Amino acid sequence: MSQDKSNTMFSNSFVDLMTSLAVIFILLLCASLNNAQGERQTTRNSVLVEMKNALKEFTAGGIEVKTDPKDPLGLLVLVPEDLLAFRLDRADISAAGDVFLRSFIPKLSAVVCSPRFSKEVNSIIVEGHTDSTGTDRHNWDLSQKRSMSVVRASLNILDDRGMREEKAAFLQLLSATGRGSAEIVRDTAGVENPSMSRRVIFKLRFRSVEQMPVLETLGTARG
């Protein structure tokens, strides 16, 4: 009887010990994962800052580069209407707009496709916007056509420059969408600014913390 009691006590102590060790292991694992997550997130933030600095030269020409307030992994490159110079109610790019894109697109692609950023950028969305003049349906269609015009022109420019690798990368990253007058720009008094509302935005979205290890694994496997 005494032997059975001793065995039971030993068994219980052993179970308690193993349970404690398991809890400690889980806590250490969680701490390690949290640290890794924090380090990766810090890296994500630093990449966005680096890209923003790399695109600084565009700001001298009236282009605005800023973080996306709706997406922590997004960077916005805002191109005002006067640089693309779309004619009233038209989606085809004017001669002035073509001159701008021929200067802008090769520089943008050189940065995005550089060794530093080529594996960081997940997508580039060309987003067209209009002012509130006209019906919603008309504005949606017009903004979509304008963004598509920019995408086509961008790819043609890279082709003309012989930038084949950049074009191939852009083909995988680029997409076009129209927002119509859903996001018009207002001044401090709340009044719409039509010229600022008519714009094209290049939305650069970076790979998330979770995507990077997967990408690295795939890259290692392919290598």
C-alpha atoms as a PDB file:
ATOM      1  CA  MET A   1       0.000   0.000   0.000  1.00  0.00           C
ATOM      2  CA  SER A   2       2.869   2.290   0.940  1.00  0.00           C
ATOM      3  CA  GLN A   3       4.621   1.381  -2.319  1.00  0.00           C
ATOM      4  CA  ASP A   4       1.492   2.221  -4.364  1.00  0.00           C
ATOM      5  CA  LYS A   5       1.172   5.568  -2.605  1.00  0.00           C
ATOM      6  CA  SER A   6       4.816   6.331  -3.289  1.00  0.00           C
ATOM      7  CA  ASN A   7       4.430   5.430  -6.970  1.00  0.00           C
ATOM      8  CA  THR A   8       1.331   7.616  -7.245  1.00  0.00           C
ATOM      9  CA  MET A   9       3.101  10.571  -5.666  1.00  0.00           C
ATOM     10  CA  PHE A  10       6.075  10.111  -7.995  1.00  0.00           C
ATOM     11  CA  SER A  11       3.779   9.854 -10.995  1.00  0.00           C
ATOM     12  CA  ASN A  12       1.905  13.015 -10.013  1.00  0.00           C
ATOM     13  CA  SER A  13       5.151  14.888  -9.428  1.00  0.00           C
ATOM     14  CA  PHE A  14       6.457  13.781 -12.803  1.00  0.00           C
ATOM     15  CA  VAL A  15       3.259  14.912 -14.547  1.00  0.00           C
ATOM     16  CA  ASP A  16       3.418  18.253 -12.746  1.00  0.00           C
ATOM     17  CA  LEU A  17       7.047  18.677 -13.789  1.00  0.00           C
ATOM     18  CA  MET A  18       6.316  17.876 -17.434  1.00  0.00           C
ATOM     19  CA  THR A  19       3.323  20.218 -17.405  1.00  0.00           C
ATOM     20  CA  SER A  20       5.469  23.019 -16.002  1.00  0.00           C
ATOM     21  CA  LEU A  21       8.158  22.383 -18.599  1.00  0.00           C
ATOM     22  CA  ALA A  22       5.541  22.413 -21.365  1.00  0.00           C
ATOM     23  CA  VAL A  23       4.140  25.731 -20.120  1.00  0.00           C
ATOM     24  CA  ILE A  24       7.638  27.230 -19.956  1.00  0.00           C
ATOM     25  CA  PHE A  25       8.364  25.983 -23.478  1.00  0.00           C
ATOM     26  CA  ILE A  26       5.147  27.501 -24.826  1.00  0.00           C
ATOM     27  CA  LEU A  27       5.875  30.831 -23.125  1.00  0.00           C
ATOM     28  CA  LEU A  28       9.404  30.897 -24.537  1.00  0.00           C
ATOM     29  CA  LEU A  29       8.084  30.004 -27.988  1.00  0.00           C
ATOM     30  CA  CYS A  30       5.479  32.778 -27.866  1.00  0.00           C
ATOM     31  CA  ALA A  31       8.101  35.277 -26.737  1.00  0.00           C
ATOM     32  CA  SER A  32      10.403  34.201 -29.547  1.00  0.00           C
ATOM     33  CA  LEU A  33       7.639  34.493 -32.144  1.00  0.00           C
ATOM     34  CA  ASN A  34       6.634  37.913 -30.829  1.00  0.00           C
ATOM     35  CA  ASN A  35      10.225  39.104 -31.010  1.00  0.00           C
ATOM     36  CA  ALA A  36      10.584  37.812 -34.564  1.00  0.00           C
ATOM     37  CA  GLN A  37       7.279  39.440 -35.519  1.00  0.00           C
ATOM     38  CA  GLY A  38       8.410  42.733 -34.012  1.00  0.00           C
ATOM     39  CA  GLU A  39      11.746  42.613 -35.807  1.00  0.00           C
ATOM     40  CA  ARG A  40      10.071  41.895 -39.142  1.00  0.00           C
ATOM     41  CA  GLN A  41       7.544  44.699 -38.601  1.00  0.00           C
ATOM     42  CA  THR A  42      10.371  47.109 -37.838  1.00  0.00           C
ATOM     43  CA  THR A  43      12.035  45.990 -41.058  1.00  0.00           C
ATOM     44  CA  ARG A  44       8.774  46.567 -42.965  1.00  0.00           C
ATOM     45  CA  ASN A  45       8.554  50.103 -41.625  1.00  0.00           C
ATOM     46  CA  SER A  46      12.172  50.848 -42.499  1.00  0.00           C
ATOM     47  CA  VAL A  47      11.619  49.600 -46.057  1.00  0.00           C
ATOM     48  CA  LEU A  48       8.717  52.026 -46.512  1.00  0.00           C
ATOM     49  CA  VAL A  49      10.875  54.884 -45.242  1.00  0.00           C
ATOM     50  CA  GLU A  50      13.688  53.876 -47.608  1.00  0.00           C
ATOM     51  CA  MET A  51      11.335  53.747 -50.586  1.00  0.00           C
ATOM     52  CA  LYS A  52       9.853  57.106 -49.672  1.00  0.00           C
ATOM     53  CA  ASN A  53      13.335  58.609 -49.581  1.00  0.00           C
ATOM     54  CA  ALA A  54      14.245  56.935 -52.874  1.00  0.00           C
ATOM     55  CA  LEU A  55      11.252  58.622 -54.540  1.00  0.00           C
ATOM     56  CA  LYS A  56      12.009  62.056 -53.094  1.00  0.00           C
ATOM     57  CA  GLU A  57      13.232  63.431 -56.417  1.00  0.00           C
ATOM     58  CA  PHE A  58       9.680  63.237 -57.760  1.00  0.00           C
ATOM     59  CA  THR A  59       8.410  65.753 -55.226  1.00  0.00           C
ATOM     60  CA  ALA A  60      10.317  68.559 -56.953  1.00  0.00           C
ATOM     61  CA  GLY A  61       8.058  68.077 -59.975  1.00  0.00           C
ATOM     62  CA  GLY A  62       4.809  68.434 -58.052  1.00  0.00           C
ATOM     63  CA  ILE A  63       4.333  64.760 -57.249  1.00  0.00           C
ATOM     64  CA  GLU A  64       3.461  63.871 -53.668  1.00  0.00           C
ATOM     65  CA  VAL A  65       4.808  60.734 -52.009  1.00  0.00           C
ATOM     66  CA  LYS A  66       3.244  59.724 -48.705  1.00  0.00           C
ATOM     67  CA  THR A  67       2.254  56.719 -46.637  1.00  0.00           C
ATOM     68  CA  ASP A  68      -1.247  55.367 -47.188  1.00  0.00           C
ATOM     69  CA  PRO A  69      -3.432  56.350 -44.202  1.00  0.00           C
ATOM     70  CA  LYS A  70      -5.689  53.363 -44.953  1.00  0.00           C
ATOM     71  CA  ASP A  71      -2.953  50.765 -45.359  1.00  0.00           C
ATOM     72  CA  PRO A  72       0.166  50.452 -43.163  1.00  0.00           C
ATOM     73  CA  LEU A  73       1.876  48.550 -45.985  1.00  0.00           C
ATOM     74  CA  GLY A  74       1.020  51.118 -48.659  1.00  0.00           C
ATOM     75  CA  LEU A  75       2.850  54.057 -50.175  1.00  0.00           C
ATOM     76  CA  LEU A  76       1.021  56.582 -52.363  1.00  0.00           C
ATOM     77  CA  VAL A  77       2.569  58.419 -55.318  1.00  0.00           C
ATOM     78  CA  LEU A  78       0.047  61.149 -56.169  1.00  0.00           C
ATOM     79  CA  VAL A  79       0.236  62.588 -59.688  1.00  0.00           C
ATOM     80  CA  PRO A  80      -1.812  65.794 -60.107  1.00  0.00           C
ATOM     81  CA  GLU A  81      -3.956  66.284 -63.196  1.00  0.00           C
ATOM     82  CA  ASP A  82      -1.827  69.022 -64.729  1.00  0.00           C
ATOM     83  CA  LEU A  83       1.133  66.638 -65.105  1.00  0.00           C
ATOM     84  CA  LEU A  84      -0.851  64.065 -67.076  1.00  0.00           C
ATOM     85  CA  ALA A  85      -2.994  66.755 -68.721  1.00  0.00           C
ATOM     86  CA  PHE A  86      -6.032  64.659 -69.590  1.00  0.00           C
ATOM     87  CA  ARG A  87      -8.357  66.610 -71.821  1.00  0.00           C
ATOM     88  CA  LEU A  88     -11.879  67.276 -70.648  1.00  0.00           C
ATOM     89  CA  ASP A  89     -13.904  64.069 -70.607  1.00  0.00           C
ATOM     90  CA  ARG A  90     -11.150  62.189 -72.448  1.00  0.00           C
ATOM     91  CA  ALA A  91      -9.122  59.162 -71.419  1.00  0.00           C
ATOM     92  CA  ASP A  92      -6.368  59.313 -74.034  1.00  0.00           C
ATOM     93  CA  ILE A  93      -3.055  60.706 -72.836  1.00  0.00           C
ATOM     94  CA  SER A  94      -2.112  64.068 -74.300  1.00  0.00           C
ATOM     95  CA  ALA A  95       1.298  64.976 -75.717  1.00  0.00           C
ATOM     96  CA  ALA A  96       2.158  66.767 -72.460  1.00  0.00           C
ATOM     97  CA  GLY A  97       1.089  63.728 -70.446  1.00  0.00           C
ATOM     98  CA  ASP A  98       3.227  61.484 -72.630  1.00  0.00           C
ATOM     99  CA  VAL A  99       6.263  63.710 -72.018  1.00  0.00           C
ATOM    100  CA  PHE A 100       5.696  63.447 -68.277  1.00  0.00           C
ATOM    101  CA  LEU A 101       5.283  59.657 -68.280  1.00  0.00           C
ATOM    102  CA  ARG A 102       8.408  59.187 -70.410  1.00  0.00           C
ATOM    103  CA  SER A 103      10.367  60.910 -67.677  1.00  0.00           C
ATOM    104  CA  PHE A 104       8.494  59.485 -64.691  1.00  0.00           C
ATOM    105  CA  ILE A 105       7.962  55.798 -65.497  1.00  0.00           C
ATOM    106  CA  PRO A 106      11.593  54.769 -66.204  1.00  0.00           C
ATOM    107  CA  LYS A 107      12.682  56.390 -62.930  1.00  0.00           C
ATOM    108  CA  LEU A 108       9.861  54.765 -60.954  1.00  0.00           C
ATOM    109  CA  SER A 109      10.538  51.351 -62.460  1.00  0.00           C
ATOM    110  CA  ALA A 110      14.279  51.681 -61.816  1.00  0.00           C
ATOM    111  CA  VAL A 111      13.577  52.202 -58.115  1.00  0.00           C
ATOM    112  CA  VAL A 112      10.847  49.569 -57.765  1.00  0.00           C
ATOM    113  CA  CYS A 113      12.795  46.942 -59.715  1.00  0.00           C
ATOM    114  CA  SER A 114      16.138  47.645 -58.049  1.00  0.00           C
ATOM    115  CA  PRO A 115      17.775  44.823 -56.038  1.00  0.00           C
ATOM    116  CA  ARG A 116      16.841  46.653 -52.835  1.00  0.00           C
ATOM    117  CA  PHE A 117      13.102  46.771 -53.496  1.00  0.00           C
ATOM    118  CA  SER A 118      12.261  44.149 -56.136  1.00  0.00           C
ATOM    119  CA  LYS A 119      11.300  41.524 -53.532  1.00  0.00           C
ATOM    120  CA  GLU A 120       9.612  44.014 -51.249  1.00  0.00           C
ATOM    121  CA  VAL A 121       6.863  45.390 -53.509  1.00  0.00           C
ATOM    122  CA  ASN A 122       3.790  43.184 -53.755  1.00  0.00           C
ATOM    123  CA  SER A 123       1.690  45.244 -56.191  1.00  0.00           C
ATOM    124  CA  ILE A 124       1.376  48.596 -57.956  1.00  0.00           C
ATOM    125  CA  ILE A 125      -2.163  49.835 -58.505  1.00  0.00           C
ATOM    126  CA  VAL A 126      -2.744  52.731 -60.889  1.00  0.00           C
ATOM    127  CA  GLU A 127      -5.823  54.417 -59.466  1.00  0.00           C
ATOM    128  CA  GLY A 128      -7.768  57.031 -61.447  1.00  0.00           C
ATOM    129  CA  HIS A 129      -9.873  59.764 -59.815  1.00  0.00           C
ATOM    130  CA  THR A 130     -12.245  62.426 -61.166  1.00  0.00           C
ATOM    131  CA  ASP A 131     -13.997  65.458 -59.730  1.00  0.00           C
ATOM    132  CA  SER A 132     -17.716  65.342 -58.901  1.00  0.00           C
ATOM    133  CA  THR A 133     -18.842  66.765 -62.257  1.00  0.00           C
ATOM    134  CA  GLY A 134     -20.973  64.254 -64.146  1.00  0.00           C
ATOM    135  CA  THR A 135     -22.825  61.159 -63.046  1.00  0.00           C
ATOM    136  CA  ASP A 136     -21.298  58.518 -60.815  1.00  0.00           C
ATOM    137  CA  ARG A 137     -21.376  55.912 -63.568  1.00  0.00           C
ATOM    138  CA  HIS A 138     -19.711  58.245 -66.058  1.00  0.00           C
ATOM    139  CA  ASN A 139     -16.994  59.174 -63.577  1.00  0.00           C
ATOM    140  CA  TRP A 140     -16.300  55.556 -62.675  1.00  0.00           C
ATOM    141  CA  ASP A 141     -15.944  54.616 -66.342  1.00  0.00           C
ATOM    142  CA  LEU A 142     -13.795  57.650 -67.137  1.00  0.00           C
ATOM    143  CA  SER A 143     -11.431  57.113 -64.205  1.00  0.00           C
ATOM    144  CA  GLN A 144     -11.069  53.427 -65.097  1.00  0.00           C
ATOM    145  CA  LYS A 145     -10.242  54.252 -68.726  1.00  0.00           C
ATOM    146  CA  ARG A 146      -7.705  56.858 -67.667  1.00  0.00           C
ATOM    147  CA  SER A 147      -5.934  54.474 -65.318  1.00  0.00           C
ATOM    148  CA  MET A 148      -5.839  51.846 -68.076  1.00  0.00           C
ATOM    149  CA  SER A 149      -4.358  54.427 -70.450  1.00  0.00           C
ATOM    150  CA  VAL A 150      -1.595  55.115 -67.938  1.00  0.00           C
ATOM    151  CA  VAL A 151      -0.848  51.395 -67.532  1.00  0.00           C
ATOM    152  CA  ARG A 152      -0.664  50.825 -71.302  1.00  0.00           C
ATOM    153  CA  ALA A 153       1.492  53.906 -71.827  1.00  0.00           C
ATOM    154  CA  SER A 154       3.812  52.872 -68.984  1.00  0.00           C
ATOM    155  CA  LEU A 155       4.422  49.429 -70.452  1.00  0.00           C
ATOM    156  CA  ASN A 156       4.948  50.875 -73.944  1.00  0.00           C
ATOM    157  CA  ILE A 157       7.491  53.371 -72.597  1.00  0.00           C
ATOM    158  CA  LEU A 158       9.497  50.630 -70.883  1.00  0.00           C
ATOM    159  CA  ASP A 159       9.351  48.635 -74.115  1.00  0.00           C
ATOM    160  CA  ASP A 160      10.589  51.612 -76.145  1.00  0.00           C
ATOM    161  CA  ARG A 161      13.465  52.136 -73.697  1.00  0.00           C
ATOM    162  CA  GLY A 162      14.495  48.502 -73.963  1.00  0.00           C
ATOM    163  CA  MET A 163      13.856  48.021 -70.246  1.00  0.00           C
ATOM    164  CA  ARG A 164      12.663  44.441 -70.654  1.00  0.00           C
ATOM    165  CA  GLU A 165      13.302  43.250 -67.109  1.00  0.00           C
ATOM    166  CA  GLU A 166      11.488  46.261 -65.678  1.00  0.00           C
ATOM    167  CA  LYS A 167       8.579  45.729 -68.063  1.00  0.00           C
ATOM    168  CA  ALA A 168       8.322  42.062 -67.086  1.00  0.00           C
ATOM    169  CA  ALA A 169       8.307  43.038 -63.410  1.00  0.00           C
ATOM    170  CA  PHE A 170       5.701  45.744 -64.007  1.00  0.00           C
ATOM    171  CA  LEU A 171       3.476  43.277 -65.861  1.00  0.00           C
ATOM    172  CA  GLN A 172       3.358  41.160 -62.717  1.00  0.00           C
ATOM    173  CA  LEU A 173       2.810  44.094 -60.374  1.00  0.00           C
ATOM    174  CA  LEU A 174       0.645  46.574 -62.299  1.00  0.00           C
ATOM    175  CA  SER A 175      -3.130  46.763 -62.254  1.00  0.00           C
ATOM    176  CA  ALA A 176      -5.594  49.568 -62.970  1.00  0.00           C
ATOM    177  CA  THR A 177      -8.719  50.698 -61.189  1.00  0.00           C
ATOM    178  CA  GLY A 178     -11.040  53.686 -61.257  1.00  0.00           C
ATOM    179  CA  ARG A 179     -12.464  55.370 -58.182  1.00  0.00           C
ATOM    180  CA  GLY A 180     -14.557  57.983 -59.961  1.00  0.00           C
ATOM    181  CA  SER A 181     -15.467  60.834 -57.627  1.00  0.00           C
ATOM    182  CA  ALA A 182     -15.587  58.613 -54.531  1.00  0.00           C
ATOM    183  CA  GLU A 183     -12.537  60.299 -52.995  1.00  0.00           C
ATOM    184  CA  ILE A 184     -12.637  63.941 -54.049  1.00  0.00           C
ATOM    185  CA  VAL A 185     -10.141  66.349 -52.524  1.00  0.00           C
ATOM    186  CA  ARG A 186     -11.508  69.121 -50.310  1.00  0.00           C
ATOM    187  CA  ASP A 187      -9.858  72.233 -48.933  1.00  0.00           C
ATOM    188  CA  THR A 188      -9.762  73.149 -45.255  1.00  0.00           C
ATOM    189  CA  ALA A 189     -13.247  74.675 -45.540  1.00  0.00           C
ATOM    190  CA  GLY A 190     -14.666  71.409 -46.884  1.00  0.00           C
ATOM    191  CA  VAL A 191     -15.111  72.722 -50.430  1.00  0.00           C
ATOM    192  CA  GLU A 192     -14.138  70.433 -53.303  1.00  0.00           C
ATOM    193  CA  ASN A 193     -10.955  71.246 -55.188  1.00  0.00           C
ATOM    194  CA  PRO A 194     -11.772  69.964 -58.704  1.00  0.00           C
ATOM    195  CA  SER A 195      -8.244  70.189 -60.121  1.00  0.00           C
ATOM    196  CA  MET A 196      -6.773  68.319 -57.144  1.00  0.00           C
ATOM    197  CA  SER A 197      -9.574  65.758 -57.302  1.00  0.00           C
ATOM    198  CA  ARG A 198      -8.691  64.899 -60.913  1.00  0.00           C
ATOM    199  CA  ARG A 199      -5.593  62.833 -60.315  1.00  0.00           C
ATOM    200  CA  VAL A 200      -3.879  59.507 -60.787  1.00  0.00           C
ATOM    201  CA  ILE A 201      -2.347  57.658 -57.847  1.00  0.00           C
ATOM    202  CA  PHE A 202       0.288  54.948 -58.020  1.00  0.00           C
ATOM    203  CA  LYS A 203      -0.333  52.794 -54.949  1.00  0.00           C
ATOM    204  CA  LEU A 204       2.702  50.741 -54.012  1.00  0.00           C
ATOM    205  CA  ARG A 205       1.883  47.933 -51.624  1.00  0.00           C
ATOM    206  CA  PHE A 206       4.651  46.090 -49.843  1.00  0.00           C
ATOM    207  CA  ARG A 207       4.745  42.465 -48.808  1.00  0.00           C
ATOM    208  CA  SER A 208       3.480  41.771 -45.330  1.00  0.00           C
ATOM    209  CA  VAL A 209       5.503  40.313 -42.476  1.00  0.00           C
ATOM    210  CA  GLU A 210       3.808  36.963 -43.104  1.00  0.00           C
ATOM    211  CA  GLN A 211       4.537  36.960 -46.848  1.00  0.00           C
ATOM    212  CA  MET A 212       8.290  37.512 -46.593  1.00  0.00           C
ATOM    213  CA  PRO A 213       9.278  34.132 -45.036  1.00  0.00           C
ATOM    214  CA  VAL A 214       7.150  32.355 -47.664  1.00  0.00           C
ATOM    215  CA  LEU A 215       8.816  34.339 -50.441  1.00  0.00           C
ATOM    216  CA  GLU A 216      12.270  33.592 -49.024  1.00  0.00           C
ATOM    217  CA  THR A 217      11.448  29.871 -48.800  1.00  0.00           C
ATOM    218  CA  LEU A 218      10.219  29.789 -52.406  1.00  0.00           C
ATOM    219  CA  GLY A 219      13.312  31.645 -53.540  1.00  0.00           C
ATOM    220  CA  THR A 220      15.579  29.169 -51.756  1.00  0.00           C
ATOM    221  CA  ALA A 221      13.688  26.217 -53.206  1.00  0.00           C
ATOM    222  CA  ARG A 222      13.950  27.600 -56.740  1.00  0.00           C
ATOM    223  CA  GLY A 223      17.637  28.357 -56.295  1.00  0.00           C
END
